[in-house]
Each structure stands twice: as structure tokens, then as C-alpha cells.
Full PDB file with SEQRES, HELIX, SHEET, SSBOND, CRYST1, ORIGX, SCALE, CONECT and MASTER records, all heavy atoms in Angstrom:
SEQRES   1 A   35  LEU LYS PRO GLU ASP THR ALA VAL TYR TYR CYS ALA ALA          
SEQRES   2 A   35  SER PRO ASN GLY ARG TYR PRO THR ASN SER TYR ALA GLN          
SEQRES   3 A   35  LYS TYR ALA TYR ASP TYR TRP GLY GLN                          
HELIX    1 AA1 PRO A    3  ASP A    5  5                                   3    
HELIX    2 AA2 LYS A   27  ALA A   29  5                                   3    
SHEET    1 AA1 2 ALA A  12  ALA A  13  0                                        
SHEET    2 AA1 2 TYR A  32  TRP A  33 -1                                        
CRYST1    1.000    1.000    1.000  90.00  90.00  90.00 P 1           1          
ORIGX1      1.000000  0.000000  0.000000        0.00000                         
ORIGX2      0.000000  1.000000  0.000000        0.00000                         
ORIGX3      0.000000  0.000000  1.000000        0.00000                         
SCALE1      1.000000  0.000000  0.000000        0.00000                         
SCALE2      0.000000  1.000000  0.000000        0.00000                         
SCALE3      0.000000  0.000000  1.000000        0.00000                         
ATOM      1  N   LEU A   1      67.133   9.019  39.915  1.00  0.00           N  
ATOM      2  CA  LEU A   1      67.363   7.851  40.832  1.00  0.00           C  
ATOM      3  C   LEU A   1      67.702   6.600  39.984  1.00  0.00           C  
ATOM      4  O   LEU A   1      67.262   6.365  38.875  1.00  0.00           O  
ATOM      5  CB  LEU A   1      66.170   7.539  41.709  1.00  0.00           C  
ATOM      6  CG  LEU A   1      66.037   8.584  42.908  1.00  0.00           C  
ATOM      7  CD1 LEU A   1      64.611   8.494  43.484  1.00  0.00           C  
ATOM      8  CD2 LEU A   1      67.089   8.090  43.968  1.00  0.00           C  
ATOM      9  N   LYS A   2      68.574   5.790  40.565  1.00  0.00           N  
ATOM     10  CA  LYS A   2      69.028   4.644  39.929  1.00  0.00           C  
ATOM     11  C   LYS A   2      68.759   3.382  40.850  1.00  0.00           C  
ATOM     12  O   LYS A   2      68.610   3.567  41.988  1.00  0.00           O  
ATOM     13  CB  LYS A   2      70.621   4.615  39.713  1.00  0.00           C  
ATOM     14  CG  LYS A   2      71.044   5.843  38.999  1.00  0.00           C  
ATOM     15  CD  LYS A   2      72.594   5.866  38.970  1.00  0.00           C  
ATOM     16  CE  LYS A   2      73.069   7.126  38.152  1.00  0.00           C  
ATOM     17  NZ  LYS A   2      74.584   7.189  38.153  1.00  0.00           N  
ATOM     18  N   PRO A   3      68.594   2.242  40.268  1.00  0.00           N  
ATOM     19  CA  PRO A   3      68.391   1.033  41.116  1.00  0.00           C  
ATOM     20  C   PRO A   3      69.384   0.809  42.196  1.00  0.00           C  
ATOM     21  O   PRO A   3      69.008   0.389  43.339  1.00  0.00           O  
ATOM     22  CB  PRO A   3      68.401  -0.154  40.133  1.00  0.00           C  
ATOM     23  CG  PRO A   3      67.997   0.506  38.833  1.00  0.00           C  
ATOM     24  CD  PRO A   3      68.559   1.834  38.832  1.00  0.00           C  
ATOM     25  N   GLU A   4      70.555   1.261  41.964  1.00  0.00           N  
ATOM     26  CA  GLU A   4      71.640   1.111  43.002  1.00  0.00           C  
ATOM     27  C   GLU A   4      71.477   2.063  44.208  1.00  0.00           C  
ATOM     28  O   GLU A   4      72.177   2.063  45.174  1.00  0.00           O  
ATOM     29  CB  GLU A   4      73.047   1.240  42.412  1.00  0.00           C  
ATOM     30  CG  GLU A   4      73.232   2.443  41.616  1.00  0.00           C  
ATOM     31  CD  GLU A   4      73.068   2.144  40.071  1.00  0.00           C  
ATOM     32  OE1 GLU A   4      72.107   1.460  39.700  1.00  0.00           O  
ATOM     33  OE2 GLU A   4      73.915   2.650  39.324  1.00  0.00           O  
ATOM     34  N   ASP A   5      70.513   3.008  44.079  1.00  0.00           N  
ATOM     35  CA  ASP A   5      70.196   3.910  45.144  1.00  0.00           C  
ATOM     36  C   ASP A   5      69.237   3.278  46.194  1.00  0.00           C  
ATOM     37  O   ASP A   5      68.989   3.839  47.223  1.00  0.00           O  
ATOM     38  CB  ASP A   5      69.501   5.218  44.661  1.00  0.00           C  
ATOM     39  CG  ASP A   5      70.467   6.026  43.820  1.00  0.00           C  
ATOM     40  OD1 ASP A   5      71.668   6.236  44.163  1.00  0.00           O  
ATOM     41  OD2 ASP A   5      70.019   6.656  42.802  1.00  0.00           O  
ATOM     42  N   THR A   6      68.778   2.093  45.830  1.00  0.00           N  
ATOM     43  CA  THR A   6      67.841   1.352  46.687  1.00  0.00           C  
ATOM     44  C   THR A   6      68.552   1.040  48.092  1.00  0.00           C  
ATOM     45  O   THR A   6      69.628   0.479  48.077  1.00  0.00           O  
ATOM     46  CB  THR A   6      67.309   0.095  46.065  1.00  0.00           C  
ATOM     47  OG1 THR A   6      66.554   0.367  44.968  1.00  0.00           O  
ATOM     48  CG2 THR A   6      66.558  -0.757  47.044  1.00  0.00           C  
ATOM     49  N   ALA A   7      67.919   1.490  49.189  1.00  0.00           N  
ATOM     50  CA  ALA A   7      68.484   1.327  50.491  1.00  0.00           C  
ATOM     51  C   ALA A   7      67.500   1.918  51.533  1.00  0.00           C  
ATOM     52  O   ALA A   7      66.520   2.615  51.203  1.00  0.00           O  
ATOM     53  CB  ALA A   7      69.770   2.088  50.647  1.00  0.00           C  
ATOM     54  N   VAL A   8      67.837   1.655  52.785  1.00  0.00           N  
ATOM     55  CA  VAL A   8      67.162   2.415  53.849  1.00  0.00           C  
ATOM     56  C   VAL A   8      68.036   3.649  54.080  1.00  0.00           C  
ATOM     57  O   VAL A   8      69.263   3.615  54.261  1.00  0.00           O  
ATOM     58  CB  VAL A   8      67.068   1.581  55.085  1.00  0.00           C  
ATOM     59  CG1 VAL A   8      66.515   2.357  56.286  1.00  0.00           C  
ATOM     60  CG2 VAL A   8      66.314   0.296  54.885  1.00  0.00           C  
ATOM     61  N   TYR A   9      67.385   4.738  54.107  1.00  0.00           N  
ATOM     62  CA  TYR A   9      68.015   6.077  54.243  1.00  0.00           C  
ATOM     63  C   TYR A   9      67.849   6.637  55.719  1.00  0.00           C  
ATOM     64  O   TYR A   9      66.688   6.625  56.153  1.00  0.00           O  
ATOM     65  CB  TYR A   9      67.460   7.034  53.272  1.00  0.00           C  
ATOM     66  CG  TYR A   9      68.050   6.864  51.876  1.00  0.00           C  
ATOM     67  CD1 TYR A   9      67.664   5.748  51.079  1.00  0.00           C  
ATOM     68  CD2 TYR A   9      68.964   7.723  51.306  1.00  0.00           C  
ATOM     69  CE1 TYR A   9      68.215   5.536  49.823  1.00  0.00           C  
ATOM     70  CE2 TYR A   9      69.571   7.529  50.079  1.00  0.00           C  
ATOM     71  CZ  TYR A   9      69.148   6.367  49.305  1.00  0.00           C  
ATOM     72  OH  TYR A   9      69.685   6.143  48.130  1.00  0.00           O  
ATOM     73  N   TYR A  10      68.894   6.998  56.258  1.00  0.00           N  
ATOM     74  CA  TYR A  10      68.940   7.479  57.618  1.00  0.00           C  
ATOM     75  C   TYR A  10      69.370   8.883  57.745  1.00  0.00           C  
ATOM     76  O   TYR A  10      70.310   9.287  57.067  1.00  0.00           O  
ATOM     77  CB  TYR A  10      69.838   6.675  58.626  1.00  0.00           C  
ATOM     78  CG  TYR A  10      69.420   5.230  58.654  1.00  0.00           C  
ATOM     79  CD1 TYR A  10      70.026   4.302  57.692  1.00  0.00           C  
ATOM     80  CD2 TYR A  10      68.731   4.714  59.648  1.00  0.00           C  
ATOM     81  CE1 TYR A  10      69.720   2.936  57.752  1.00  0.00           C  
ATOM     82  CE2 TYR A  10      68.319   3.338  59.733  1.00  0.00           C  
ATOM     83  CZ  TYR A  10      68.867   2.499  58.819  1.00  0.00           C  
ATOM     84  OH  TYR A  10      68.593   1.147  58.836  1.00  0.00           O  
ATOM     85  N   CYS A  11      68.715   9.747  58.610  1.00  0.00           N  
ATOM     86  CA  CYS A  11      69.319  11.040  58.858  1.00  0.00           C  
ATOM     87  C   CYS A  11      70.008  10.969  60.251  1.00  0.00           C  
ATOM     88  O   CYS A  11      69.620  10.040  61.093  1.00  0.00           O  
ATOM     89  CB  CYS A  11      68.291  12.145  58.802  1.00  0.00           C  
ATOM     90  SG  CYS A  11      67.099  12.242  60.173  1.00  0.00           S  
ATOM     91  N   ALA A  12      70.939  11.812  60.550  1.00  0.00           N  
ATOM     92  CA  ALA A  12      71.778  11.733  61.707  1.00  0.00           C  
ATOM     93  C   ALA A  12      72.088  13.120  62.022  1.00  0.00           C  
ATOM     94  O   ALA A  12      72.309  14.025  61.184  1.00  0.00           O  
ATOM     95  CB  ALA A  12      72.903  10.826  61.491  1.00  0.00           C  
ATOM     96  N   ALA A  13      72.402  13.395  63.351  1.00  0.00           N  
ATOM     97  CA  ALA A  13      72.822  14.700  63.847  1.00  0.00           C  
ATOM     98  C   ALA A  13      74.160  14.681  64.526  1.00  0.00           C  
ATOM     99  O   ALA A  13      74.450  13.732  65.354  1.00  0.00           O  
ATOM    100  CB  ALA A  13      71.754  15.204  64.852  1.00  0.00           C  
ATOM    101  N   SER A  14      75.005  15.594  64.120  1.00  0.00           N  
ATOM    102  CA  SER A  14      76.410  15.631  64.690  1.00  0.00           C  
ATOM    103  C   SER A  14      76.491  16.991  65.433  1.00  0.00           C  
ATOM    104  O   SER A  14      76.404  18.044  64.733  1.00  0.00           O  
ATOM    105  CB  SER A  14      77.368  15.565  63.609  1.00  0.00           C  
ATOM    106  OG  SER A  14      78.705  15.753  64.088  1.00  0.00           O  
ATOM    107  N   PRO A  15      76.721  16.994  66.739  1.00  0.00           N  
ATOM    108  CA  PRO A  15      76.885  18.233  67.539  1.00  0.00           C  
ATOM    109  C   PRO A  15      78.040  19.017  66.993  1.00  0.00           C  
ATOM    110  O   PRO A  15      79.147  18.619  66.813  1.00  0.00           O  
ATOM    111  CB  PRO A  15      77.099  17.725  68.916  1.00  0.00           C  
ATOM    112  CG  PRO A  15      76.677  16.305  69.018  1.00  0.00           C  
ATOM    113  CD  PRO A  15      76.955  15.788  67.645  1.00  0.00           C  
ATOM    114  N   ASN A  16      77.737  20.314  66.740  1.00  0.00           N  
ATOM    115  CA  ASN A  16      78.855  21.242  66.360  1.00  0.00           C  
ATOM    116  C   ASN A  16      79.952  21.282  67.328  1.00  0.00           C  
ATOM    117  O   ASN A  16      79.779  21.431  68.541  1.00  0.00           O  
ATOM    118  CB  ASN A  16      78.273  22.641  66.144  1.00  0.00           C  
ATOM    119  CG  ASN A  16      77.282  22.706  64.967  1.00  0.00           C  
ATOM    120  OD1 ASN A  16      77.255  21.946  64.100  1.00  0.00           O  
ATOM    121  ND2 ASN A  16      76.418  23.809  65.011  1.00  0.00           N  
ATOM    122  N   GLY A  17      81.202  21.090  66.768  1.00  0.00           N  
ATOM    123  CA  GLY A  17      82.364  21.289  67.654  1.00  0.00           C  
ATOM    124  C   GLY A  17      82.823  20.007  68.342  1.00  0.00           C  
ATOM    125  O   GLY A  17      83.980  20.072  68.978  1.00  0.00           O  
ATOM    126  N   ARG A  18      82.041  19.028  68.360  1.00  0.00           N  
ATOM    127  CA  ARG A  18      82.380  17.815  69.164  1.00  0.00           C  
ATOM    128  C   ARG A  18      83.418  16.951  68.387  1.00  0.00           C  
ATOM    129  O   ARG A  18      84.280  16.215  68.948  1.00  0.00           O  
ATOM    130  CB  ARG A  18      81.135  17.015  69.516  1.00  0.00           C  
ATOM    131  CG  ARG A  18      81.595  15.714  70.318  1.00  0.00           C  
ATOM    132  CD  ARG A  18      80.323  15.022  70.848  1.00  0.00           C  
ATOM    133  NE  ARG A  18      79.618  15.914  71.867  1.00  0.00           N  
ATOM    134  CZ  ARG A  18      78.398  15.513  72.435  1.00  0.00           C  
ATOM    135  NH1 ARG A  18      77.841  14.402  72.104  1.00  0.00           N  
ATOM    136  NH2 ARG A  18      77.925  16.307  73.310  1.00  0.00           N  
ATOM    137  N   TYR A  19      83.338  16.948  67.063  1.00  0.00           N  
ATOM    138  CA  TYR A  19      84.104  16.106  66.216  1.00  0.00           C  
ATOM    139  C   TYR A  19      84.950  16.907  65.240  1.00  0.00           C  
ATOM    140  O   TYR A  19      84.587  18.124  64.941  1.00  0.00           O  
ATOM    141  CB  TYR A  19      83.334  15.069  65.540  1.00  0.00           C  
ATOM    142  CG  TYR A  19      82.482  14.191  66.398  1.00  0.00           C  
ATOM    143  CD1 TYR A  19      81.163  14.425  66.632  1.00  0.00           C  
ATOM    144  CD2 TYR A  19      83.107  13.128  67.095  1.00  0.00           C  
ATOM    145  CE1 TYR A  19      80.378  13.578  67.491  1.00  0.00           C  
ATOM    146  CE2 TYR A  19      82.345  12.282  67.929  1.00  0.00           C  
ATOM    147  CZ  TYR A  19      81.061  12.521  68.142  1.00  0.00           C  
ATOM    148  OH  TYR A  19      80.340  11.774  69.046  1.00  0.00           O  
ATOM    149  N   PRO A  20      86.002  16.377  64.643  1.00  0.00           N  
ATOM    150  CA  PRO A  20      86.774  17.165  63.670  1.00  0.00           C  
ATOM    151  C   PRO A  20      85.825  17.599  62.592  1.00  0.00           C  
ATOM    152  O   PRO A  20      84.937  16.947  62.159  1.00  0.00           O  
ATOM    153  CB  PRO A  20      87.760  16.195  63.181  1.00  0.00           C  
ATOM    154  CG  PRO A  20      87.889  15.203  64.295  1.00  0.00           C  
ATOM    155  CD  PRO A  20      86.566  15.093  64.917  1.00  0.00           C  
ATOM    156  N   THR A  21      86.207  18.861  61.974  1.00  0.00           N  
ATOM    157  CA  THR A  21      85.362  19.461  61.056  1.00  0.00           C  
ATOM    158  C   THR A  21      85.276  18.654  59.776  1.00  0.00           C  
ATOM    159  O   THR A  21      84.279  18.750  58.965  1.00  0.00           O  
ATOM    160  CB  THR A  21      85.856  20.851  60.679  1.00  0.00           C  
ATOM    161  OG1 THR A  21      87.162  20.783  60.297  1.00  0.00           O  
ATOM    162  CG2 THR A  21      85.693  21.782  61.905  1.00  0.00           C  
ATOM    163  N   ASN A  22      86.203  17.722  59.475  1.00  0.00           N  
ATOM    164  CA  ASN A  22      86.190  17.019  58.245  1.00  0.00           C  
ATOM    165  C   ASN A  22      85.648  15.586  58.452  1.00  0.00           C  
ATOM    166  O   ASN A  22      85.905  14.720  57.646  1.00  0.00           O  
ATOM    167  CB  ASN A  22      87.607  16.938  57.685  1.00  0.00           C  
ATOM    168  CG  ASN A  22      88.602  16.236  58.561  1.00  0.00           C  
ATOM    169  OD1 ASN A  22      88.301  15.946  59.771  1.00  0.00           O  
ATOM    170  ND2 ASN A  22      89.758  15.920  58.086  1.00  0.00           N  
ATOM    171  N   SER A  23      84.977  15.368  59.563  1.00  0.00           N  
ATOM    172  CA  SER A  23      84.403  14.044  59.910  1.00  0.00           C  
ATOM    173  C   SER A  23      82.961  13.818  59.469  1.00  0.00           C  
ATOM    174  O   SER A  23      82.336  12.894  59.847  1.00  0.00           O  
ATOM    175  CB  SER A  23      84.567  13.780  61.442  1.00  0.00           C  
ATOM    176  OG  SER A  23      83.819  14.671  62.131  1.00  0.00           O  
ATOM    177  N   TYR A  24      82.442  14.766  58.629  1.00  0.00           N  
ATOM    178  CA  TYR A  24      81.040  14.803  58.317  1.00  0.00           C  
ATOM    179  C   TYR A  24      80.640  13.409  57.579  1.00  0.00           C  
ATOM    180  O   TYR A  24      79.410  13.146  57.571  1.00  0.00           O  
ATOM    181  CB  TYR A  24      80.645  15.976  57.419  1.00  0.00           C  
ATOM    182  CG  TYR A  24      81.487  16.106  56.157  1.00  0.00           C  
ATOM    183  CD1 TYR A  24      81.166  15.356  55.049  1.00  0.00           C  
ATOM    184  CD2 TYR A  24      82.629  16.820  56.139  1.00  0.00           C  
ATOM    185  CE1 TYR A  24      81.949  15.456  53.899  1.00  0.00           C  
ATOM    186  CE2 TYR A  24      83.459  16.922  55.008  1.00  0.00           C  
ATOM    187  CZ  TYR A  24      83.116  16.118  53.875  1.00  0.00           C  
ATOM    188  OH  TYR A  24      83.850  16.270  52.748  1.00  0.00           O  
ATOM    189  N   ALA A  25      81.517  12.767  56.997  1.00  0.00           N  
ATOM    190  CA  ALA A  25      81.191  11.505  56.273  1.00  0.00           C  
ATOM    191  C   ALA A  25      81.335  10.225  57.124  1.00  0.00           C  
ATOM    192  O   ALA A  25      81.172   9.180  56.617  1.00  0.00           O  
ATOM    193  CB  ALA A  25      82.032  11.440  54.993  1.00  0.00           C  
ATOM    194  N   GLN A  26      81.721  10.463  58.373  1.00  0.00           N  
ATOM    195  CA  GLN A  26      82.007   9.350  59.236  1.00  0.00           C  
ATOM    196  C   GLN A  26      80.863   9.056  60.227  1.00  0.00           C  
ATOM    197  O   GLN A  26      80.381   9.970  60.892  1.00  0.00           O  
ATOM    198  CB  GLN A  26      83.288   9.593  60.040  1.00  0.00           C  
ATOM    199  CG  GLN A  26      84.476  10.011  59.186  1.00  0.00           C  
ATOM    200  CD  GLN A  26      84.872   8.929  58.183  1.00  0.00           C  
ATOM    201  OE1 GLN A  26      84.832   7.770  58.422  1.00  0.00           O  
ATOM    202  NE2 GLN A  26      85.170   9.395  56.990  1.00  0.00           N  
ATOM    203  N   LYS A  27      80.494   7.780  60.294  1.00  0.00           N  
ATOM    204  CA  LYS A  27      79.337   7.422  61.102  1.00  0.00           C  
ATOM    205  C   LYS A  27      79.647   7.748  62.586  1.00  0.00           C  
ATOM    206  O   LYS A  27      78.704   8.178  63.318  1.00  0.00           O  
ATOM    207  CB  LYS A  27      79.029   5.934  60.975  1.00  0.00           C  
ATOM    208  CG  LYS A  27      78.480   5.504  59.648  1.00  0.00           C  
ATOM    209  CD  LYS A  27      78.025   4.098  59.625  1.00  0.00           C  
ATOM    210  CE  LYS A  27      79.199   3.100  59.775  1.00  0.00           C  
ATOM    211  NZ  LYS A  27      80.087   3.154  58.579  1.00  0.00           N  
ATOM    212  N   TYR A  28      80.869   7.637  63.057  1.00  0.00           N  
ATOM    213  CA  TYR A  28      81.155   7.950  64.436  1.00  0.00           C  
ATOM    214  C   TYR A  28      80.914   9.315  64.834  1.00  0.00           C  
ATOM    215  O   TYR A  28      80.787   9.645  66.043  1.00  0.00           O  
ATOM    216  CB  TYR A  28      82.662   7.502  64.797  1.00  0.00           C  
ATOM    217  CG  TYR A  28      83.624   8.487  64.274  1.00  0.00           C  
ATOM    218  CD1 TYR A  28      83.880   9.693  65.014  1.00  0.00           C  
ATOM    219  CD2 TYR A  28      84.376   8.401  63.131  1.00  0.00           C  
ATOM    220  CE1 TYR A  28      84.863  10.601  64.612  1.00  0.00           C  
ATOM    221  CE2 TYR A  28      85.350   9.253  62.731  1.00  0.00           C  
ATOM    222  CZ  TYR A  28      85.576  10.369  63.423  1.00  0.00           C  
ATOM    223  OH  TYR A  28      86.432  11.358  62.961  1.00  0.00           O  
ATOM    224  N   ALA A  29      80.833  10.243  63.875  1.00  0.00           N  
ATOM    225  CA  ALA A  29      80.731  11.655  64.252  1.00  0.00           C  
ATOM    226  C   ALA A  29      79.257  12.106  64.507  1.00  0.00           C  
ATOM    227  O   ALA A  29      78.949  13.269  64.692  1.00  0.00           O  
ATOM    228  CB  ALA A  29      81.316  12.515  63.145  1.00  0.00           C  
ATOM    229  N   TYR A  30      78.333  11.113  64.456  1.00  0.00           N  
ATOM    230  CA  TYR A  30      76.918  11.432  64.564  1.00  0.00           C  
ATOM    231  C   TYR A  30      76.425  10.714  65.804  1.00  0.00           C  
ATOM    232  O   TYR A  30      76.532   9.535  65.997  1.00  0.00           O  
ATOM    233  CB  TYR A  30      76.167  10.892  63.280  1.00  0.00           C  
ATOM    234  CG  TYR A  30      76.455  11.769  62.086  1.00  0.00           C  
ATOM    235  CD1 TYR A  30      77.613  11.499  61.323  1.00  0.00           C  
ATOM    236  CD2 TYR A  30      75.740  12.889  61.711  1.00  0.00           C  
ATOM    237  CE1 TYR A  30      77.955  12.245  60.285  1.00  0.00           C  
ATOM    238  CE2 TYR A  30      76.038  13.709  60.683  1.00  0.00           C  
ATOM    239  CZ  TYR A  30      77.142  13.367  59.889  1.00  0.00           C  
ATOM    240  OH  TYR A  30      77.440  14.135  58.810  1.00  0.00           O  
ATOM    241  N   ASP A  31      75.836  11.553  66.730  1.00  0.00           N  
ATOM    242  CA  ASP A  31      75.384  10.963  68.058  1.00  0.00           C  
ATOM    243  C   ASP A  31      73.988  10.523  67.954  1.00  0.00           C  
ATOM    244  O   ASP A  31      73.512   9.708  68.776  1.00  0.00           O  
ATOM    245  CB  ASP A  31      75.502  12.087  69.101  1.00  0.00           C  
ATOM    246  CG  ASP A  31      76.996  12.423  69.448  1.00  0.00           C  
ATOM    247  OD1 ASP A  31      77.855  11.769  68.870  1.00  0.00           O  
ATOM    248  OD2 ASP A  31      77.161  13.339  70.253  1.00  0.00           O  
ATOM    249  N   TYR A  32      73.164  11.028  67.031  1.00  0.00           N  
ATOM    250  CA  TYR A  32      71.741  10.742  67.023  1.00  0.00           C  
ATOM    251  C   TYR A  32      71.351  10.324  65.577  1.00  0.00           C  
ATOM    252  O   TYR A  32      71.759  10.771  64.643  1.00  0.00           O  
ATOM    253  CB  TYR A  32      70.895  11.973  67.374  1.00  0.00           C  
ATOM    254  CG  TYR A  32      71.292  12.506  68.739  1.00  0.00           C  
ATOM    255  CD1 TYR A  32      72.069  13.612  68.869  1.00  0.00           C  
ATOM    256  CD2 TYR A  32      70.895  11.898  69.887  1.00  0.00           C  
ATOM    257  CE1 TYR A  32      72.427  14.165  70.060  1.00  0.00           C  
ATOM    258  CE2 TYR A  32      71.238  12.337  71.158  1.00  0.00           C  
ATOM    259  CZ  TYR A  32      72.044  13.510  71.242  1.00  0.00           C  
ATOM    260  OH  TYR A  32      72.388  14.044  72.437  1.00  0.00           O  
ATOM    261  N   TRP A  33      70.449   9.234  65.584  1.00  0.00           N  
ATOM    262  CA  TRP A  33      70.033   8.610  64.339  1.00  0.00           C  
ATOM    263  C   TRP A  33      68.566   8.444  64.375  1.00  0.00           C  
ATOM    264  O   TRP A  33      67.873   8.173  65.314  1.00  0.00           O  
ATOM    265  CB  TRP A  33      70.694   7.255  64.164  1.00  0.00           C  
ATOM    266  CG  TRP A  33      72.174   7.366  63.952  1.00  0.00           C  
ATOM    267  CD1 TRP A  33      73.112   7.481  65.017  1.00  0.00           C  
ATOM    268  CD2 TRP A  33      72.849   7.315  62.703  1.00  0.00           C  
ATOM    269  NE1 TRP A  33      74.386   7.558  64.413  1.00  0.00           N  
ATOM    270  CE2 TRP A  33      74.289   7.409  63.052  1.00  0.00           C  
ATOM    271  CE3 TRP A  33      72.492   7.160  61.417  1.00  0.00           C  
ATOM    272  CZ2 TRP A  33      75.283   7.388  62.018  1.00  0.00           C  
ATOM    273  CZ3 TRP A  33      73.496   7.215  60.433  1.00  0.00           C  
ATOM    274  CH2 TRP A  33      74.875   7.346  60.753  1.00  0.00           C  
ATOM    275  N   GLY A  34      67.922   8.543  63.100  1.00  0.00           N  
ATOM    276  CA  GLY A  34      66.575   8.342  62.913  1.00  0.00           C  
ATOM    277  C   GLY A  34      66.375   6.758  62.779  1.00  0.00           C  
ATOM    278  O   GLY A  34      67.377   6.058  62.695  1.00  0.00           O  
ATOM    279  N   GLN A  35      65.142   6.394  62.501  1.00  0.00           N  
ATOM    280  CA  GLN A  35      64.846   4.957  62.315  1.00  0.00           C  
ATOM    281  C   GLN A  35      64.992   4.514  60.941  1.00  0.00           C  
ATOM    282  O   GLN A  35      64.938   3.260  60.635  1.00  0.00           O  
ATOM    283  CB  GLN A  35      63.377   4.679  62.878  1.00  0.00           C  
ATOM    284  CG  GLN A  35      62.258   4.955  61.841  1.00  0.00           C  
ATOM    285  CD  GLN A  35      62.080   6.464  61.627  1.00  0.00           C  
ATOM    286  OE1 GLN A  35      62.595   7.295  62.328  1.00  0.00           O  
ATOM    287  NE2 GLN A  35      61.259   6.773  60.634  1.00  0.00           N  
TER     288      GLN A  35                                                      
MASTER        0    0    0    2    2    0    0    6  287    1    0    3          
END                                                                             
């Protein structure tokens, strides 16, 4: 770990098949988020 890794980390869930397969890095492709 590096100091620049300091952040709030969130997990998120993207329903299979709802978004393009290459959208895994895009926030819009995730419907559910943790706190």
C-alpha cells in the first residue's frame, strides 16, 4: 500500500447482462453500492 491509496473504498454490484460487457470500470454500470 502507498499513501496515494488513501480513500474511501466502495464495493458495487452490476447485474449480469444489463450493461455492455466492457463497462466494468464505469460507475454507471453498477446499480448497487455499499456505504
